[in-house]
Amino acid sequence: MLLCVDIGNTNIVLGLYKENDLLAHWRINTDHAKMPDEYGLLLINMLAHKGFRVDEITGIALASVVPPLTDIFQEMLDDYVGVETLVVTSGVKTGVAIRYESPRDVGADRVVNAAAAYRLYGGPACIVDFGTGTTFDAISAKGEYLGGAIAPGIRVAAEALFQRTAKLPRIDLQRPPQAIGKNTVDAMRSGILFGYVGLVEGMVARFRQELGPEMKTIGTGGLAQVIARETDVIEHIDPWLTLKGLRIIYELNRGER
């Protein structure tokens, strides 16, 4: 079985594949303070909870945008799993040509998402990833990564509003009853939720002007479904897009390992 690991700034997402089937998946908080042994024991317990064992893992694919945790996870995986880890870096075959001015500046998660989106949905495409940042990535009709846009994530924006103001409370991201808030909490919820819907609709429209009317839009990340319920510009919701991309890239490189 293949273990896929996506290390993000807020969450670490893991998935266990048997061929093309995603058998189990987990989402845990990104914790810079944890040691390799702590992550190792956590992995063993998560696998056991779903009825799996570490010794059933025959391959590992990892993408990370948190360099210190990349090393911690590699040490943990070497010690607790003991099979070679494919880390998505600039030297790995991804099937995606990077047309960015500085290809090394593109986050591994964005490359992995591009590989999955083109394989599964074709191009041209716009990927909207609702993570710590809200990212928009453009894929050409030929499957090239063209670039994109980066905005603060929804939770980051909501937390900044709480931290930088004296009287505004910390809120959860529930849908308000209407756009015009009748109290402070609903006014904040409206601004955050509907404001981000407007951001997504505006950015998708601009990407479509540049990529063409046949552009597909794929939403992923923890809050993709929350935003998609409020707009019809996101055509496909794929919460495990990054895990799928890791599996695809692992298969592309398996014959060379």
Protein backbone atom coordinates (compact mmCIF):
# COMPACT_ATOMS: atom_id res chain seq x y z
CA MET A 1 0.00 0.00 0.00
CA LEU A 2 1.06 3.58 -0.67
CA LEU A 3 1.13 6.20 2.09
CA CYS A 4 0.70 9.77 0.82
CA VAL A 5 1.63 12.69 3.09
CA ASP A 6 0.80 16.35 2.42
CA ILE A 7 2.46 18.66 4.97
CA GLY A 8 0.83 22.10 5.01
CA ASN A 9 1.21 25.12 7.23
CA THR A 10 -2.01 24.44 9.15
CA ASN A 11 -2.77 20.75 8.59
CA ILE A 12 -0.99 17.54 7.66
CA VAL A 13 -3.15 15.28 5.49
CA LEU A 14 -2.33 11.59 5.09
CA GLY A 15 -3.91 9.02 2.82
CA LEU A 16 -3.46 5.28 2.39
CA TYR A 17 -3.89 3.88 -1.12
CA LYS A 18 -4.20 0.38 -2.46
CA GLU A 19 -3.72 0.83 -6.19
CA ASN A 20 -6.27 3.51 -7.16
CA ASP A 21 -8.44 3.17 -4.06
CA LEU A 22 -8.13 5.61 -1.16
CA LEU A 23 -8.66 3.24 1.78
CA ALA A 24 -8.26 5.75 4.62
CA HIS A 25 -7.34 9.36 5.21
CA TRP A 26 -6.45 11.53 8.19
CA ARG A 27 -6.09 15.26 8.87
CA ILE A 28 -4.01 16.41 11.85
CA ASN A 29 -2.74 19.78 13.07
CA THR A 30 0.68 20.86 11.87
CA ASP A 31 2.82 20.92 15.02
CA HIS A 32 6.41 22.13 14.75
CA ALA A 33 7.10 21.06 18.34
CA LYS A 34 6.49 17.34 17.80
CA MET A 35 9.51 15.08 17.57
CA PRO A 36 9.86 12.26 14.99
CA ASP A 37 8.94 9.63 17.59
CA GLU A 38 5.74 11.49 18.47
CA TYR A 39 4.67 11.59 14.83
CA GLY A 40 5.69 7.96 14.47
CA LEU A 41 3.51 6.80 17.35
CA LEU A 42 0.66 8.93 16.04
CA LEU A 43 0.98 7.26 12.63
CA ILE A 44 0.92 3.77 14.18
CA ASN A 45 -2.20 4.61 16.20
CA MET A 46 -4.03 6.18 13.24
CA LEU A 47 -3.31 3.16 11.07
CA ALA A 48 -4.37 0.73 13.81
CA HIS A 49 -7.61 2.63 14.36
CA LYS A 50 -8.55 1.92 10.72
CA GLY A 51 -7.34 -1.68 10.87
CA PHE A 52 -3.95 -1.30 9.14
CA ARG A 53 -0.32 -1.93 10.11
CA VAL A 54 2.86 -0.05 9.33
CA ASP A 55 4.44 -3.11 7.74
CA GLU A 56 1.71 -3.12 5.06
CA ILE A 57 3.09 0.13 3.62
CA THR A 58 5.26 -0.54 0.57
CA GLY A 59 5.74 3.01 -0.70
CA ILE A 60 5.58 6.63 0.49
CA ALA A 61 5.02 9.90 -1.41
CA LEU A 62 5.44 13.19 0.44
CA ALA A 63 4.87 16.85 -0.45
CA SER A 64 5.70 19.60 2.01
CA VAL A 65 5.66 23.39 2.19
CA VAL A 66 7.15 23.32 5.71
CA PRO A 67 10.89 22.54 5.32
CA PRO A 68 11.64 21.83 9.01
CA LEU A 69 8.85 19.24 9.13
CA THR A 70 10.03 17.65 5.90
CA ASP A 71 13.19 16.51 7.69
CA ILE A 72 11.27 15.43 10.80
CA PHE A 73 8.85 13.33 8.72
CA GLN A 74 11.60 11.78 6.65
CA GLU A 75 13.40 10.72 9.83
CA MET A 76 10.16 9.35 11.28
CA LEU A 77 9.21 7.47 8.12
CA ASP A 78 12.70 5.96 7.80
CA ASP A 79 12.57 4.79 11.40
CA TYR A 80 8.94 3.64 11.69
CA VAL A 81 8.12 2.49 8.15
CA GLY A 82 11.50 1.75 6.66
CA VAL A 83 10.70 2.13 2.96
CA GLU A 84 12.05 4.76 0.61
CA THR A 85 10.14 8.06 0.55
CA LEU A 86 9.51 9.93 -2.69
CA VAL A 87 9.69 13.62 -1.77
CA VAL A 88 8.24 15.91 -4.44
CA THR A 89 11.03 18.34 -5.34
CA SER A 90 12.26 19.98 -8.52
CA GLY A 91 14.09 16.80 -9.55
CA VAL A 92 11.02 14.56 -9.46
CA LYS A 93 9.01 13.65 -12.57
CA THR A 94 5.54 15.18 -12.19
CA GLY A 95 4.18 15.26 -15.73
CA VAL A 96 3.74 19.04 -15.33
CA ALA A 97 5.87 21.58 -17.18
CA ILE A 98 6.39 24.61 -14.94
CA ARG A 99 6.12 27.93 -16.82
CA TYR A 100 6.73 30.06 -13.72
CA GLU A 101 9.55 32.61 -13.86
CA SER A 102 11.29 30.76 -11.03
CA PRO A 103 10.05 27.14 -11.04
CA ARG A 104 11.67 26.40 -7.66
CA ASP A 105 9.40 28.99 -6.05
CA VAL A 106 6.24 26.99 -6.80
CA GLY A 107 5.07 25.12 -3.70
CA ALA A 108 5.13 21.34 -3.94
CA ASP A 109 1.42 21.16 -3.10
CA ARG A 110 0.56 23.39 -6.06
CA VAL A 111 2.57 21.22 -8.46
CA VAL A 112 0.95 18.07 -7.06
CA ASN A 113 -2.52 19.60 -7.41
CA ALA A 114 -1.73 20.56 -11.00
CA ALA A 115 -0.65 16.99 -11.81
CA ALA A 116 -3.90 15.60 -10.38
CA ALA A 117 -6.20 18.21 -11.90
CA TYR A 118 -4.85 17.79 -15.41
CA ARG A 119 -4.90 14.00 -15.23
CA LEU A 120 -8.43 13.87 -13.81
CA TYR A 121 -10.17 16.88 -15.38
CA GLY A 122 -8.00 18.02 -18.28
CA GLY A 123 -7.10 21.57 -19.18
CA PRO A 124 -7.27 24.45 -19.25
CA ALA A 125 -8.16 24.57 -15.58
CA CYS A 126 -8.17 26.78 -12.52
CA ILE A 127 -7.52 25.11 -9.16
CA VAL A 128 -8.80 26.95 -6.09
CA ASP A 129 -7.19 25.60 -2.92
CA PHE A 130 -8.73 26.77 0.36
CA GLY A 131 -5.89 26.29 2.83
CA THR A 132 -3.81 28.56 5.04
CA GLY A 133 -3.72 30.72 1.95
CA THR A 134 -6.38 30.72 -0.76
CA THR A 135 -4.48 29.92 -3.94
CA PHE A 136 -5.56 30.02 -7.56
CA ASP A 137 -3.49 27.98 -10.02
CA ALA A 138 -3.72 28.09 -13.79
CA ILE A 139 -3.20 24.96 -15.92
CA SER A 140 -2.97 25.25 -19.71
CA ALA A 141 -4.73 23.05 -22.23
CA LYS A 142 -1.41 21.18 -22.56
CA GLY A 143 -1.12 20.56 -18.82
CA GLU A 144 1.47 23.28 -18.16
CA TYR A 145 1.55 25.09 -14.82
CA LEU A 146 1.30 28.75 -15.84
CA GLY A 147 1.20 30.52 -12.48
CA GLY A 148 -1.53 31.79 -10.25
CA ALA A 149 -2.59 34.06 -7.43
CA ILE A 150 -2.29 33.90 -3.64
CA ALA A 151 -4.65 35.49 -1.11
CA PRO A 152 -4.91 35.09 2.67
CA GLY A 153 -6.90 32.03 3.70
CA ILE A 154 -10.39 32.44 5.11
CA ARG A 155 -9.45 31.37 8.63
CA VAL A 156 -6.32 33.53 8.53
CA ALA A 157 -8.40 36.57 7.57
CA ALA A 158 -10.99 35.89 10.27
CA GLU A 159 -8.31 35.45 12.93
CA ALA A 160 -6.49 38.62 11.83
CA LEU A 161 -9.72 40.58 12.16
CA PHE A 162 -10.12 39.35 15.73
CA GLN A 163 -6.49 39.96 16.69
CA ARG A 164 -6.15 43.40 15.14
CA THR A 165 -9.35 44.95 16.47
CA ALA A 166 -10.26 45.84 20.03
CA LYS A 167 -13.99 45.05 20.01
CA LEU A 168 -14.55 42.39 17.36
CA PRO A 169 -14.91 38.81 18.67
CA ARG A 170 -13.41 35.59 17.36
CA ILE A 171 -16.06 33.87 15.21
CA ASP A 172 -16.71 30.50 13.64
CA LEU A 173 -17.44 30.33 9.93
CA GLN A 174 -21.18 29.72 9.94
CA ARG A 175 -23.38 31.06 7.16
CA PRO A 176 -25.18 34.23 8.26
CA PRO A 177 -28.94 34.47 7.63
CA GLN A 178 -28.42 37.31 5.14
CA ALA A 179 -25.72 39.54 3.67
CA ILE A 180 -26.74 42.55 5.79
CA GLY A 181 -25.74 41.52 9.29
CA LYS A 182 -28.07 42.62 12.09
CA ASN A 183 -25.43 42.09 14.77
CA THR A 184 -21.65 42.17 14.95
CA VAL A 185 -21.11 38.41 14.66
CA ASP A 186 -23.40 38.06 11.63
CA ALA A 187 -21.82 41.13 10.05
CA MET A 188 -18.39 39.54 10.43
CA ARG A 189 -19.63 36.21 9.10
CA SER A 190 -21.14 37.96 6.09
CA GLY A 191 -17.97 39.87 5.35
CA ILE A 192 -15.76 36.80 5.64
CA LEU A 193 -17.95 34.20 3.92
CA PHE A 194 -19.68 36.25 1.23
CA GLY A 195 -16.59 38.39 0.81
CA TYR A 196 -14.54 35.31 -0.05
CA VAL A 197 -17.26 34.09 -2.38
CA GLY A 198 -16.90 37.41 -4.22
CA LEU A 199 -13.11 36.99 -4.26
CA VAL A 200 -13.40 33.51 -5.76
CA GLU A 201 -15.98 34.54 -8.35
CA GLY A 202 -13.90 37.55 -9.39
CA MET A 203 -10.62 35.63 -9.66
CA VAL A 204 -12.20 32.72 -11.54
CA ALA A 205 -13.72 35.19 -14.02
CA ARG A 206 -10.32 36.82 -14.60
CA PHE A 207 -8.62 33.44 -15.04
CA ARG A 208 -11.31 32.44 -17.53
CA GLN A 209 -10.64 35.60 -19.55
CA GLU A 210 -6.98 34.55 -19.84
CA LEU A 211 -7.39 30.76 -20.19
CA GLY A 212 -10.53 30.71 -22.33
CA PRO A 213 -14.23 29.92 -21.86
CA GLU A 214 -13.61 26.15 -21.76
CA MET A 215 -11.66 26.49 -18.48
CA LYS A 216 -12.67 24.05 -15.73
CA THR A 217 -12.65 25.09 -12.07
CA ILE A 218 -11.68 22.64 -9.34
CA GLY A 219 -12.01 23.43 -5.66
CA THR A 220 -10.00 21.65 -2.97
CA GLY A 221 -8.95 22.16 0.64
CA GLY A 222 -10.83 22.05 3.90
CA LEU A 223 -13.28 24.88 3.18
CA ALA A 224 -13.95 24.20 -0.50
CA GLN A 225 -17.44 22.85 0.13
CA VAL A 226 -18.37 25.81 2.35
CA ILE A 227 -17.61 28.27 -0.46
CA ALA A 228 -18.96 26.07 -3.25
CA ARG A 229 -22.39 26.03 -1.59
CA GLU A 230 -22.58 29.80 -2.18
CA THR A 231 -21.50 29.96 -5.83
CA ASP A 232 -21.73 28.00 -9.05
CA VAL A 233 -18.30 28.95 -10.42
CA ILE A 234 -16.62 25.91 -8.80
CA GLU A 235 -17.53 23.03 -11.07
CA HIS A 236 -15.73 20.19 -9.29
CA ILE A 237 -15.09 19.70 -5.57
CA ASP A 238 -12.19 17.35 -4.90
CA PRO A 239 -11.13 17.44 -1.23
CA TRP A 240 -8.39 14.83 -1.73
CA LEU A 241 -6.87 16.34 -4.88
CA THR A 242 -3.38 16.60 -3.35
CA LEU A 243 -3.40 12.98 -2.17
CA LYS A 244 -4.49 11.89 -5.65
CA GLY A 245 -1.67 13.94 -7.16
CA LEU A 246 0.88 12.31 -4.87
CA ARG A 247 -0.31 8.88 -5.96
CA ILE A 248 -0.08 9.89 -9.64
CA ILE A 249 3.44 11.29 -9.22
CA TYR A 250 4.56 8.22 -7.29
CA GLU A 251 3.40 6.01 -10.16
CA LEU A 252 5.24 8.20 -12.68
CA ASN A 253 8.48 7.71 -10.75
CA ARG A 254 8.06 4.11 -9.62
CA GLY A 255 9.97 2.63 -12.55
CA GLU A 256 12.97 4.82 -11.75
CA ARG A 257 13.23 3.92 -8.08
